[in-house]
N, C-alpha and C. Protein backbone atom coordinates (compact mmCIF):
# COMPACT_ATOMS: atom_id res chain seq x y z
N MET A 1 -13.39 -3.26 15.38
CA MET A 1 -12.20 -3.76 16.07
C MET A 1 -11.72 -2.68 17.03
N GLN A 2 -11.46 -3.08 18.25
CA GLN A 2 -10.93 -2.16 19.24
C GLN A 2 -9.41 -2.20 19.19
N LEU A 3 -8.78 -1.02 19.06
CA LEU A 3 -7.33 -0.91 18.96
C LEU A 3 -6.78 -0.03 20.05
N SER A 4 -5.56 -0.31 20.43
CA SER A 4 -4.78 0.64 21.22
C SER A 4 -3.51 0.90 20.41
N ILE A 5 -2.97 2.08 20.57
CA ILE A 5 -1.74 2.47 19.88
C ILE A 5 -0.70 2.70 20.96
N ARG A 6 0.48 2.11 20.75
CA ARG A 6 1.55 2.28 21.73
C ARG A 6 2.90 2.24 21.03
N ALA A 7 3.91 2.70 21.73
CA ALA A 7 5.28 2.69 21.20
C ALA A 7 5.81 1.27 21.10
N ALA A 8 6.61 1.04 20.09
CA ALA A 8 7.27 -0.26 19.91
C ALA A 8 8.35 -0.45 20.96
N GLU A 9 8.47 -1.68 21.43
CA GLU A 9 9.50 -2.09 22.39
C GLU A 9 10.30 -3.23 21.78
N PRO A 10 11.53 -3.45 22.23
CA PRO A 10 12.32 -4.56 21.68
C PRO A 10 11.60 -5.91 21.73
N GLU A 11 10.75 -6.11 22.73
CA GLU A 11 10.00 -7.35 22.87
C GLU A 11 8.98 -7.54 21.75
N ASP A 12 8.70 -6.49 20.98
CA ASP A 12 7.74 -6.55 19.88
C ASP A 12 8.39 -6.99 18.56
N ALA A 13 9.66 -7.30 18.59
CA ALA A 13 10.40 -7.59 17.36
C ALA A 13 9.78 -8.73 16.55
N ALA A 14 9.34 -9.79 17.20
CA ALA A 14 8.77 -10.92 16.46
C ALA A 14 7.48 -10.51 15.75
N ALA A 15 6.64 -9.73 16.41
CA ALA A 15 5.39 -9.29 15.80
C ALA A 15 5.67 -8.36 14.62
N VAL A 16 6.61 -7.43 14.80
CA VAL A 16 6.96 -6.50 13.72
C VAL A 16 7.55 -7.27 12.54
N ALA A 17 8.47 -8.17 12.80
CA ALA A 17 9.07 -8.96 11.72
C ALA A 17 8.02 -9.80 11.01
N GLY A 18 7.08 -10.35 11.75
CA GLY A 18 6.03 -11.15 11.13
C GLY A 18 5.20 -10.36 10.15
N ILE A 19 4.79 -9.16 10.54
CA ILE A 19 4.01 -8.30 9.64
C ILE A 19 4.85 -7.87 8.45
N LEU A 20 6.05 -7.38 8.72
CA LEU A 20 6.92 -6.89 7.65
C LEU A 20 7.28 -7.99 6.67
N ASN A 21 7.63 -9.16 7.16
CA ASN A 21 8.01 -10.26 6.27
C ASN A 21 6.84 -10.75 5.43
N ALA A 22 5.63 -10.72 5.97
CA ALA A 22 4.46 -11.10 5.17
C ALA A 22 4.24 -10.09 4.04
N VAL A 23 4.43 -8.81 4.33
CA VAL A 23 4.32 -7.78 3.29
C VAL A 23 5.39 -7.99 2.23
N ILE A 24 6.60 -8.27 2.65
CA ILE A 24 7.70 -8.51 1.71
C ILE A 24 7.38 -9.71 0.83
N GLU A 25 6.88 -10.78 1.42
CA GLU A 25 6.55 -11.99 0.66
C GLU A 25 5.46 -11.73 -0.38
N GLU A 26 4.51 -10.86 -0.05
CA GLU A 26 3.46 -10.53 -1.02
C GLU A 26 4.06 -9.92 -2.29
N GLY A 27 5.17 -9.21 -2.14
CA GLY A 27 5.92 -8.72 -3.29
C GLY A 27 5.31 -7.57 -4.06
N VAL A 28 4.27 -6.94 -3.54
CA VAL A 28 3.62 -5.86 -4.28
C VAL A 28 3.39 -4.59 -3.46
N TYR A 29 3.69 -4.60 -2.19
CA TYR A 29 3.38 -3.45 -1.35
C TYR A 29 4.59 -2.69 -0.85
N SER A 30 5.76 -3.22 -1.03
CA SER A 30 6.97 -2.61 -0.49
C SER A 30 8.14 -2.84 -1.44
N VAL A 31 9.14 -2.00 -1.34
CA VAL A 31 10.37 -2.23 -2.11
C VAL A 31 11.35 -3.11 -1.34
N PHE A 32 11.04 -3.42 -0.09
CA PHE A 32 11.87 -4.40 0.62
C PHE A 32 11.75 -5.73 -0.11
N ASP A 33 12.88 -6.41 -0.28
CA ASP A 33 12.85 -7.68 -1.01
C ASP A 33 13.53 -8.82 -0.24
N THR A 34 14.01 -8.54 0.95
CA THR A 34 14.70 -9.53 1.75
C THR A 34 14.07 -9.57 3.14
N PRO A 35 13.66 -10.74 3.61
CA PRO A 35 13.05 -10.84 4.94
C PRO A 35 14.01 -10.40 6.04
N PHE A 36 13.42 -9.99 7.15
CA PHE A 36 14.18 -9.56 8.32
C PHE A 36 14.02 -10.60 9.42
N THR A 37 15.10 -10.85 10.15
CA THR A 37 15.02 -11.76 11.29
C THR A 37 14.46 -11.02 12.50
N VAL A 38 14.03 -11.78 13.47
CA VAL A 38 13.56 -11.17 14.72
C VAL A 38 14.71 -10.38 15.35
N GLU A 39 15.92 -10.92 15.26
CA GLU A 39 17.08 -10.23 15.82
C GLU A 39 17.34 -8.91 15.08
N ASP A 40 17.16 -8.90 13.75
CA ASP A 40 17.30 -7.65 12.99
C ASP A 40 16.32 -6.60 13.51
N GLU A 41 15.09 -7.00 13.68
CA GLU A 41 14.06 -6.06 14.14
C GLU A 41 14.30 -5.60 15.56
N GLN A 42 14.77 -6.51 16.39
CA GLN A 42 15.06 -6.14 17.78
C GLN A 42 16.17 -5.08 17.82
N ARG A 43 17.23 -5.29 17.05
CA ARG A 43 18.31 -4.30 16.98
C ARG A 43 17.80 -2.97 16.44
N TYR A 44 16.94 -3.04 15.42
CA TYR A 44 16.38 -1.82 14.82
C TYR A 44 15.57 -1.04 15.86
N ILE A 45 14.72 -1.71 16.59
CA ILE A 45 13.90 -1.05 17.61
C ILE A 45 14.79 -0.48 18.72
N GLU A 46 15.78 -1.25 19.14
CA GLU A 46 16.68 -0.79 20.21
C GLU A 46 17.47 0.44 19.80
N SER A 47 17.83 0.54 18.53
CA SER A 47 18.64 1.67 18.08
C SER A 47 17.82 2.76 17.38
N PHE A 48 16.51 2.64 17.45
CA PHE A 48 15.64 3.60 16.77
C PHE A 48 15.87 5.00 17.32
N SER A 49 15.87 5.96 16.44
CA SER A 49 16.13 7.36 16.79
C SER A 49 15.22 7.84 17.91
N LYS A 50 15.80 8.52 18.89
CA LYS A 50 15.02 9.08 20.00
C LYS A 50 14.02 10.12 19.48
N ARG A 51 14.34 10.77 18.38
CA ARG A 51 13.41 11.75 17.79
C ARG A 51 12.35 11.09 16.95
N GLY A 52 12.55 9.84 16.60
CA GLY A 52 11.61 9.16 15.74
C GLY A 52 10.34 8.75 16.46
N VAL A 53 9.40 8.24 15.66
CA VAL A 53 8.11 7.76 16.16
C VAL A 53 7.94 6.34 15.62
N PHE A 54 7.76 5.37 16.49
CA PHE A 54 7.56 3.98 16.08
C PHE A 54 6.39 3.44 16.89
N LEU A 55 5.24 3.38 16.24
CA LEU A 55 4.01 3.01 16.93
C LEU A 55 3.43 1.71 16.41
N LEU A 56 2.81 0.96 17.32
CA LEU A 56 2.14 -0.29 16.98
C LEU A 56 0.64 -0.13 17.18
N ALA A 57 -0.14 -0.75 16.30
CA ALA A 57 -1.58 -0.88 16.50
C ALA A 57 -1.81 -2.26 17.09
N VAL A 58 -2.42 -2.30 18.25
CA VAL A 58 -2.61 -3.54 18.99
C VAL A 58 -4.11 -3.80 19.15
N ARG A 59 -4.55 -4.94 18.63
CA ARG A 59 -5.95 -5.32 18.75
C ARG A 59 -6.26 -5.72 20.19
N GLN A 60 -7.40 -5.27 20.66
CA GLN A 60 -7.84 -5.60 22.01
C GLN A 60 -9.06 -6.51 21.93
N PRO A 61 -9.25 -7.40 22.84
CA PRO A 61 -8.50 -7.54 24.08
C PRO A 61 -7.34 -8.53 24.00
N ASP A 62 -7.11 -9.16 22.83
CA ASP A 62 -6.08 -10.22 22.77
C ASP A 62 -4.66 -9.71 22.61
N ARG A 63 -4.49 -8.40 22.44
CA ARG A 63 -3.18 -7.73 22.36
C ARG A 63 -2.32 -8.20 21.18
N GLN A 64 -2.96 -8.55 20.08
CA GLN A 64 -2.23 -8.92 18.86
C GLN A 64 -1.83 -7.67 18.10
N VAL A 65 -0.55 -7.58 17.73
CA VAL A 65 -0.07 -6.47 16.92
C VAL A 65 -0.58 -6.70 15.49
N VAL A 66 -1.33 -5.71 14.96
CA VAL A 66 -1.94 -5.86 13.64
C VAL A 66 -1.39 -4.87 12.62
N GLY A 67 -0.52 -3.98 13.07
CA GLY A 67 0.10 -3.03 12.15
C GLY A 67 1.08 -2.15 12.89
N PHE A 68 1.90 -1.44 12.11
CA PHE A 68 2.84 -0.50 12.71
C PHE A 68 3.17 0.60 11.73
N GLN A 69 3.62 1.69 12.29
CA GLN A 69 4.03 2.83 11.48
C GLN A 69 5.26 3.42 12.15
N ASN A 70 6.26 3.74 11.34
CA ASN A 70 7.42 4.39 11.91
C ASN A 70 7.77 5.63 11.09
N MET A 71 8.36 6.58 11.78
CA MET A 71 8.81 7.80 11.16
C MET A 71 10.12 8.20 11.79
N GLU A 72 11.13 8.32 10.95
CA GLU A 72 12.46 8.67 11.42
C GLU A 72 12.86 10.03 10.85
N PRO A 73 13.80 10.70 11.51
CA PRO A 73 14.32 11.92 10.90
C PRO A 73 14.84 11.63 9.49
N PHE A 74 14.59 12.55 8.59
CA PHE A 74 14.95 12.36 7.18
C PHE A 74 16.45 12.17 6.99
N ALA A 75 17.26 12.92 7.72
CA ALA A 75 18.72 12.83 7.55
C ALA A 75 19.41 13.22 8.85
N ALA A 76 20.54 12.60 9.10
CA ALA A 76 21.33 12.92 10.29
C ALA A 76 22.59 13.70 9.95
N TYR A 77 22.88 13.88 8.67
CA TYR A 77 24.13 14.49 8.26
C TYR A 77 24.08 16.02 8.18
N THR A 78 22.89 16.60 8.40
CA THR A 78 22.73 18.05 8.41
C THR A 78 21.50 18.40 9.23
N HIS A 79 21.50 19.58 9.82
CA HIS A 79 20.33 20.04 10.56
C HIS A 79 19.29 20.67 9.64
N ALA A 80 19.62 20.82 8.38
CA ALA A 80 18.71 21.46 7.42
C ALA A 80 17.41 20.68 7.26
N PHE A 81 17.43 19.38 7.58
CA PHE A 81 16.25 18.54 7.44
C PHE A 81 15.64 18.13 8.78
N ASP A 82 16.02 18.80 9.86
CA ASP A 82 15.53 18.40 11.18
C ASP A 82 14.01 18.44 11.30
N HIS A 83 13.35 19.22 10.47
CA HIS A 83 11.89 19.35 10.54
C HIS A 83 11.17 18.29 9.71
N VAL A 84 11.92 17.41 9.02
CA VAL A 84 11.34 16.44 8.08
C VAL A 84 11.52 15.02 8.60
N GLY A 85 10.45 14.26 8.57
CA GLY A 85 10.51 12.84 8.91
C GLY A 85 10.15 12.01 7.69
N VAL A 86 10.64 10.78 7.66
CA VAL A 86 10.30 9.85 6.58
C VAL A 86 9.55 8.67 7.20
N MET A 87 8.45 8.28 6.57
CA MET A 87 7.49 7.37 7.18
C MET A 87 7.33 6.06 6.41
N GLY A 88 6.98 5.02 7.14
CA GLY A 88 6.56 3.75 6.56
C GLY A 88 5.35 3.22 7.32
N THR A 89 4.44 2.56 6.62
CA THR A 89 3.22 2.03 7.22
C THR A 89 3.04 0.59 6.77
N TYR A 90 2.79 -0.31 7.71
CA TYR A 90 2.66 -1.73 7.42
C TYR A 90 1.50 -2.31 8.22
N ILE A 91 0.55 -2.90 7.52
CA ILE A 91 -0.64 -3.46 8.15
C ILE A 91 -0.74 -4.94 7.77
N ALA A 92 -1.04 -5.79 8.74
CA ALA A 92 -1.23 -7.22 8.47
C ALA A 92 -2.39 -7.38 7.48
N ALA A 93 -2.24 -8.28 6.53
CA ALA A 93 -3.21 -8.44 5.44
C ALA A 93 -4.64 -8.63 5.96
N ALA A 94 -4.81 -9.43 6.99
CA ALA A 94 -6.16 -9.72 7.50
C ALA A 94 -6.81 -8.52 8.18
N HIS A 95 -6.05 -7.44 8.38
CA HIS A 95 -6.57 -6.29 9.12
C HIS A 95 -6.58 -5.01 8.29
N ARG A 96 -6.32 -5.13 7.00
CA ARG A 96 -6.37 -3.94 6.15
C ARG A 96 -7.81 -3.50 5.94
N ARG A 97 -7.98 -2.20 5.72
CA ARG A 97 -9.30 -1.59 5.48
C ARG A 97 -10.25 -1.74 6.67
N GLN A 98 -9.65 -1.73 7.87
CA GLN A 98 -10.45 -1.84 9.09
C GLN A 98 -10.15 -0.71 10.08
N GLY A 99 -9.52 0.35 9.60
CA GLY A 99 -9.25 1.50 10.45
C GLY A 99 -7.91 1.47 11.16
N VAL A 100 -7.10 0.46 10.91
CA VAL A 100 -5.80 0.36 11.58
C VAL A 100 -4.89 1.51 11.15
N ALA A 101 -4.77 1.73 9.85
CA ALA A 101 -3.92 2.82 9.36
C ALA A 101 -4.42 4.17 9.85
N THR A 102 -5.71 4.37 9.86
CA THR A 102 -6.27 5.64 10.32
C THR A 102 -5.86 5.92 11.77
N ALA A 103 -5.95 4.92 12.62
CA ALA A 103 -5.53 5.08 14.02
C ALA A 103 -4.04 5.39 14.12
N LEU A 104 -3.24 4.69 13.32
CA LEU A 104 -1.80 4.93 13.35
C LEU A 104 -1.45 6.33 12.84
N PHE A 105 -2.06 6.75 11.73
CA PHE A 105 -1.77 8.08 11.20
C PHE A 105 -2.06 9.15 12.26
N ALA A 106 -3.22 9.08 12.89
CA ALA A 106 -3.58 10.10 13.88
C ALA A 106 -2.55 10.16 15.01
N ALA A 107 -2.18 9.01 15.52
CA ALA A 107 -1.21 8.97 16.63
C ALA A 107 0.18 9.42 16.19
N THR A 108 0.60 9.01 14.99
CA THR A 108 1.92 9.41 14.50
C THR A 108 1.98 10.91 14.25
N PHE A 109 0.93 11.48 13.64
CA PHE A 109 0.93 12.92 13.39
C PHE A 109 1.04 13.69 14.71
N GLU A 110 0.30 13.26 15.71
CA GLU A 110 0.34 13.92 17.02
C GLU A 110 1.74 13.83 17.64
N ALA A 111 2.31 12.63 17.62
CA ALA A 111 3.65 12.44 18.19
C ALA A 111 4.70 13.23 17.41
N ALA A 112 4.57 13.27 16.10
CA ALA A 112 5.53 14.00 15.26
C ALA A 112 5.50 15.50 15.58
N ARG A 113 4.30 16.03 15.75
CA ARG A 113 4.19 17.46 16.11
C ARG A 113 4.86 17.73 17.45
N ARG A 114 4.64 16.85 18.42
CA ARG A 114 5.26 17.02 19.74
C ARG A 114 6.79 17.01 19.65
N LYS A 115 7.31 16.30 18.66
CA LYS A 115 8.76 16.19 18.50
C LYS A 115 9.30 17.22 17.50
N SER A 116 8.49 18.23 17.21
CA SER A 116 8.88 19.38 16.38
C SER A 116 9.07 19.05 14.90
N PHE A 117 8.47 17.99 14.41
CA PHE A 117 8.47 17.75 12.98
C PHE A 117 7.41 18.65 12.33
N GLU A 118 7.71 19.12 11.14
CA GLU A 118 6.79 19.98 10.41
C GLU A 118 6.31 19.33 9.11
N LYS A 119 7.01 18.31 8.68
CA LYS A 119 6.72 17.70 7.39
C LYS A 119 7.04 16.21 7.45
N ILE A 120 6.21 15.42 6.77
CA ILE A 120 6.47 13.99 6.62
C ILE A 120 6.57 13.70 5.13
N PHE A 121 7.56 12.91 4.78
CA PHE A 121 7.87 12.57 3.40
C PHE A 121 7.94 11.06 3.29
N THR A 122 7.49 10.51 2.17
CA THR A 122 7.67 9.08 1.96
C THR A 122 7.51 8.75 0.48
N PHE A 123 7.76 7.51 0.16
CA PHE A 123 7.62 6.95 -1.18
C PHE A 123 6.57 5.85 -1.13
N VAL A 124 5.78 5.72 -2.19
CA VAL A 124 4.82 4.63 -2.30
C VAL A 124 5.00 4.02 -3.68
N ARG A 125 5.06 2.70 -3.74
CA ARG A 125 5.15 2.04 -5.06
C ARG A 125 3.99 2.51 -5.93
N SER A 126 4.27 2.79 -7.19
CA SER A 126 3.23 3.30 -8.08
C SER A 126 2.14 2.26 -8.34
N ASP A 127 2.45 0.99 -8.15
CA ASP A 127 1.45 -0.06 -8.36
C ASP A 127 0.71 -0.42 -7.07
N ASN A 128 0.95 0.34 -6.00
CA ASN A 128 0.26 0.11 -4.73
C ASN A 128 -0.78 1.22 -4.53
N GLN A 129 -1.83 1.13 -5.31
CA GLN A 129 -2.86 2.17 -5.30
C GLN A 129 -3.60 2.25 -3.96
N ALA A 130 -3.74 1.13 -3.26
CA ALA A 130 -4.42 1.15 -1.96
C ALA A 130 -3.62 1.98 -0.96
N ALA A 131 -2.31 1.80 -0.93
CA ALA A 131 -1.47 2.58 -0.01
C ALA A 131 -1.49 4.05 -0.39
N LEU A 132 -1.38 4.34 -1.68
CA LEU A 132 -1.40 5.73 -2.11
C LEU A 132 -2.72 6.38 -1.70
N ALA A 133 -3.83 5.69 -1.90
CA ALA A 133 -5.14 6.23 -1.51
C ALA A 133 -5.19 6.49 0.00
N ALA A 134 -4.62 5.59 0.79
CA ALA A 134 -4.62 5.77 2.25
C ALA A 134 -3.83 7.01 2.64
N TYR A 135 -2.66 7.19 2.06
CA TYR A 135 -1.86 8.37 2.37
C TYR A 135 -2.57 9.65 1.92
N LEU A 136 -3.14 9.64 0.73
CA LEU A 136 -3.84 10.83 0.24
C LEU A 136 -5.03 11.16 1.13
N LYS A 137 -5.74 10.14 1.58
CA LYS A 137 -6.88 10.32 2.50
C LYS A 137 -6.45 11.02 3.78
N HIS A 138 -5.21 10.82 4.18
CA HIS A 138 -4.70 11.40 5.42
C HIS A 138 -3.89 12.67 5.19
N GLY A 139 -4.10 13.31 4.05
CA GLY A 139 -3.56 14.65 3.83
C GLY A 139 -2.25 14.74 3.09
N PHE A 140 -1.72 13.64 2.61
CA PHE A 140 -0.49 13.70 1.83
C PHE A 140 -0.80 14.18 0.42
N SER A 141 0.20 14.77 -0.22
CA SER A 141 0.09 15.24 -1.60
C SER A 141 1.19 14.61 -2.43
N VAL A 142 0.87 14.29 -3.67
CA VAL A 142 1.86 13.76 -4.61
C VAL A 142 2.75 14.91 -5.06
N ILE A 143 4.07 14.69 -5.02
CA ILE A 143 5.00 15.73 -5.47
C ILE A 143 5.86 15.28 -6.64
N GLY A 144 5.75 14.01 -7.02
CA GLY A 144 6.52 13.55 -8.17
C GLY A 144 6.59 12.04 -8.25
N THR A 145 7.29 11.60 -9.27
CA THR A 145 7.48 10.17 -9.51
C THR A 145 8.95 9.90 -9.76
N ALA A 146 9.49 8.95 -9.05
CA ALA A 146 10.85 8.47 -9.29
C ALA A 146 10.73 7.26 -10.22
N ARG A 147 11.09 7.43 -11.46
CA ARG A 147 10.95 6.38 -12.47
C ARG A 147 12.01 5.29 -12.27
N ARG A 148 11.56 4.06 -12.44
CA ARG A 148 12.46 2.91 -12.33
C ARG A 148 13.29 2.99 -11.04
N GLN A 149 12.65 3.37 -9.97
CA GLN A 149 13.33 3.61 -8.69
C GLN A 149 13.78 2.31 -8.03
N ALA A 150 13.02 1.26 -8.21
CA ALA A 150 13.36 -0.02 -7.60
C ALA A 150 13.30 -1.10 -8.68
N LYS A 151 14.04 -2.17 -8.43
CA LYS A 151 13.98 -3.34 -9.30
C LYS A 151 13.64 -4.52 -8.41
N ILE A 152 12.41 -4.98 -8.54
CA ILE A 152 11.88 -6.04 -7.69
C ILE A 152 11.61 -7.27 -8.56
N ARG A 153 12.27 -8.37 -8.20
CA ARG A 153 12.09 -9.63 -8.93
C ARG A 153 12.28 -9.44 -10.43
N GLY A 154 13.28 -8.62 -10.77
CA GLY A 154 13.64 -8.41 -12.16
C GLY A 154 12.84 -7.36 -12.90
N ALA A 155 11.86 -6.74 -12.26
CA ALA A 155 11.02 -5.74 -12.92
C ALA A 155 11.20 -4.38 -12.24
N TYR A 156 11.28 -3.34 -13.07
CA TYR A 156 11.39 -2.00 -12.51
C TYR A 156 10.05 -1.54 -11.96
N VAL A 157 10.13 -0.78 -10.88
CA VAL A 157 8.94 -0.22 -10.24
C VAL A 157 9.19 1.27 -10.02
N ASP A 158 8.23 2.08 -10.42
CA ASP A 158 8.28 3.51 -10.11
C ASP A 158 7.82 3.71 -8.68
N GLU A 159 8.27 4.80 -8.07
CA GLU A 159 7.77 5.16 -6.75
C GLU A 159 7.21 6.57 -6.81
N ILE A 160 6.07 6.75 -6.15
CA ILE A 160 5.42 8.04 -6.06
C ILE A 160 5.96 8.74 -4.81
N LEU A 161 6.44 9.95 -4.95
CA LEU A 161 6.93 10.74 -3.82
C LEU A 161 5.76 11.56 -3.28
N ILE A 162 5.57 11.48 -1.98
CA ILE A 162 4.46 12.21 -1.35
C ILE A 162 4.95 12.90 -0.09
N GLU A 163 4.21 13.95 0.30
CA GLU A 163 4.56 14.69 1.51
C GLU A 163 3.31 15.22 2.18
N LYS A 164 3.46 15.50 3.45
CA LYS A 164 2.38 16.11 4.24
C LYS A 164 3.02 17.12 5.17
N PHE A 165 2.47 18.32 5.17
CA PHE A 165 2.90 19.33 6.13
C PHE A 165 2.01 19.23 7.36
N LEU A 166 2.66 19.18 8.50
CA LEU A 166 1.92 19.07 9.76
C LEU A 166 1.49 20.44 10.24
């Protein structure tokens, strides 16, 4: 599959919401439990942090968005965390295990370094072994487990805390 990676634009809101809502509906890959409207996503993209990185994987030549990755500053309430970003990765089900995440990770790491980030931090559901394997493959390390961190459809889910130094 031929991919291009580019920054998200407000006009991409429907594609982003479509991927994210499908992941939410699957109920096993994210702690998000409520679908997002196209308008929600458009507002999110429009107000996305200037220091953040929000990239789309676009299949060529038909220009279909098949995944996205975003990384925002960890906190805005202190400069002590200015070097840390928090990341999320979402790939359309039909395009998983086809190199989409690999392309996104490479581009996000490069953009994060340009924006003076030194570390990326995130959480992965403990029952999402495929996502954990993908992050570990790209240099993340497990630093702990948040027990009963989320309650999804009445069941507690642990989250694995991971980080990568750039």
